[in-house]
């Protein structure tokens, strides 16, 4: 656990718009500002639970394995950095199987240093990949290494196939339940 310095400020990033976050993030990155905030959402469970206070260092440096905060389509996203290629980053939430489309490094707000506690900042646990997560990463990452635009197209296809298979699974489960129901005759 790291000691909390007195310059840590508690902020609510959810009250800011995407352009406001981009503006203050640029200033905060120059100052390497540390902020404490929380996020809603389940994509980082079990590493970060919804509403858990986290400390963020506003900076541009991050390494694969770090949890980062970035803007994507006007939304704040907290996901783990898996790989970088030039100005592009490859990320995924610890609870997600599929990888995010490549994100430009300019979208990064900062790096999560740990879970905030009043007395200290607790380090984040590493992510243990499931077999399904590993399969998705190993299938998609070569396309990211080839070209971020190629990766975007592959990721979109993977998302479509993943949703289609999930829907077919729900239909098959519903059909199986209907077959097991005793008839009224």
Foldseek 3Di string as FASTA:
>chain_A
DAFDDPQEEEDECVVDWLVVLLVVLVVQQVVQGKYKYFAADDLQPPQHHHPFIWIWGRHLDDDQQFWFWFDDPGDIDTFGWHDDDVQWTKTGHLNDQAIDQIDGSSRTSTTTQATDDPGRGDGTDTHDDDPSSVVNCVVQVVLVVVPSVSSNVVSVVVVVVVVVVVVVVVVVVVVVVVVPDDDPD
